[in-house]
Structures are given as C-alpha cells and as structure tokens.
Amino acid sequence: MVAECAAPLLGLGGLLLVSEPPEQRLRWPAVELNRLGLIVEPLDATPPQIAVLHQERLCPDRFPRRVGIPAKRPLWW
C-alpha cells in the first residue's frame, strides 16, 4: 500500500525509501511493482533494512486507487 500511494508522487528517476522489518525479505514482488513503474534497487545492508524503490517509468494514472480500495484489495500480500 505504501508503494501504491507514493508512486504517483515520484517523478521519473525518483526514489522511495521504506523501512523494512528484518524478517521480511521478499516484500516487494517485481511484477506488482512494475505495474506502478517501480523497481527495487539492490542494497547490501544489515538490519535495520531499508528498501530503495526506484521510479523507472511514470506511474499509471489509475493509481492510487480510491480511498479504502488498497486496504480491501492490495496489489500484493
């Protein structure tokens, strides 16, 4: 939900930094991020982990979805 809400605010080449819990490794699936125009930048770090999401192309206008929809039907779990 964070990526879906933030992606439309990023310009081309923008970065989104997200704090990650150490036990979650594959939180950002590539296929779903691609729908938002984002890719995960590889990062070698120890906890606390930071995910770096890079705006590779502009986010489609259909995102973010209406209030409440991302919580009811997230793009991924």
Protein backbone atom coordinates (compact mmCIF):
# COMPACT_ATOMS: atom_id res chain seq x y z
CA MET A 1 0.00 0.00 0.00
CA VAL A 2 2.92 2.36 0.67
CA ALA A 3 4.31 1.91 -2.83
CA GLU A 4 0.88 2.37 -4.45
CA CYS A 5 0.26 5.63 -2.59
CA ALA A 6 3.77 7.01 -3.08
CA ALA A 7 4.46 6.03 -6.72
CA PRO A 8 2.20 8.73 -8.25
CA LEU A 9 4.07 11.37 -6.22
CA LEU A 10 7.50 10.40 -7.59
CA GLY A 11 8.99 11.89 -10.70
CA LEU A 12 10.88 9.84 -13.25
CA GLY A 13 14.07 8.63 -11.57
CA GLY A 14 12.69 9.37 -8.09
CA LEU A 15 13.46 7.17 -5.11
CA LEU A 16 11.22 5.89 -2.34
CA LEU A 17 13.00 4.74 0.82
CA VAL A 18 10.99 2.39 3.01
CA SER A 19 12.00 1.00 6.40
CA GLU A 20 11.76 -2.79 6.39
CA PRO A 21 11.35 -5.26 9.24
CA PRO A 22 14.37 -7.61 9.24
CA GLU A 23 12.30 -10.80 8.93
CA GLN A 24 10.58 -9.76 5.68
CA ARG A 25 12.85 -10.41 2.71
CA LEU A 26 10.66 -10.56 -0.42
CA ARG A 27 8.18 -7.84 0.44
CA TRP A 28 8.34 -6.10 -2.94
CA PRO A 29 7.41 -8.50 -5.79
CA ALA A 30 8.82 -7.30 -9.11
CA VAL A 31 5.69 -7.93 -11.22
CA GLU A 32 3.43 -5.84 -8.99
CA LEU A 33 6.00 -3.05 -8.59
CA ASN A 34 6.33 -2.92 -12.37
CA ARG A 35 2.61 -2.06 -12.60
CA LEU A 36 3.47 1.08 -10.60
CA GLY A 37 6.56 1.86 -12.69
CA LEU A 38 8.88 0.94 -9.80
CA ILE A 39 11.84 -1.40 -9.45
CA VAL A 40 13.72 -2.48 -6.31
CA GLU A 41 17.30 -1.25 -6.16
CA PRO A 42 19.69 -3.92 -4.81
CA LEU A 43 21.06 -2.92 -1.43
CA ASP A 44 23.58 -4.66 0.79
CA ALA A 45 22.66 -3.67 4.31
CA THR A 46 22.23 -5.15 7.72
CA PRO A 47 19.21 -4.51 9.95
CA PRO A 48 17.55 -2.13 10.13
CA GLN A 49 16.90 -2.74 6.45
CA ILE A 50 15.88 -0.02 4.02
CA ALA A 51 14.17 -0.85 0.71
CA VAL A 52 15.02 1.51 -2.15
CA LEU A 53 12.30 1.65 -4.80
CA HIS A 54 13.30 3.46 -7.98
CA GLN A 55 10.71 5.09 -10.30
CA GLU A 56 11.83 3.61 -13.62
CA ARG A 57 8.83 4.94 -15.55
CA LEU A 58 5.88 7.12 -14.60
CA CYS A 59 3.11 5.54 -12.57
CA PRO A 60 -0.15 4.99 -14.50
CA ASP A 61 -2.94 7.49 -13.80
CA ARG A 62 -5.17 4.77 -12.33
CA PHE A 63 -3.01 4.77 -9.16
CA PRO A 64 -3.54 5.39 -6.34
CA ARG A 65 -6.93 3.77 -6.28
CA ARG A 66 -9.90 5.23 -4.38
CA VAL A 67 -9.77 5.50 -0.59
CA GLY A 68 -10.20 2.10 1.04
CA ILE A 69 -9.62 0.01 -2.09
CA PRO A 70 -5.88 -0.63 -1.49
CA ALA A 71 -6.66 -1.92 2.01
CA LYS A 72 -9.50 -4.15 0.79
CA ARG A 73 -7.73 -5.38 -2.36
CA PRO A 74 -3.96 -4.89 -2.04
CA LEU A 75 -1.78 -5.36 -5.11
CA TRP A 76 0.19 -7.99 -3.19
CA TRP A 77 0.42 -9.53 0.29
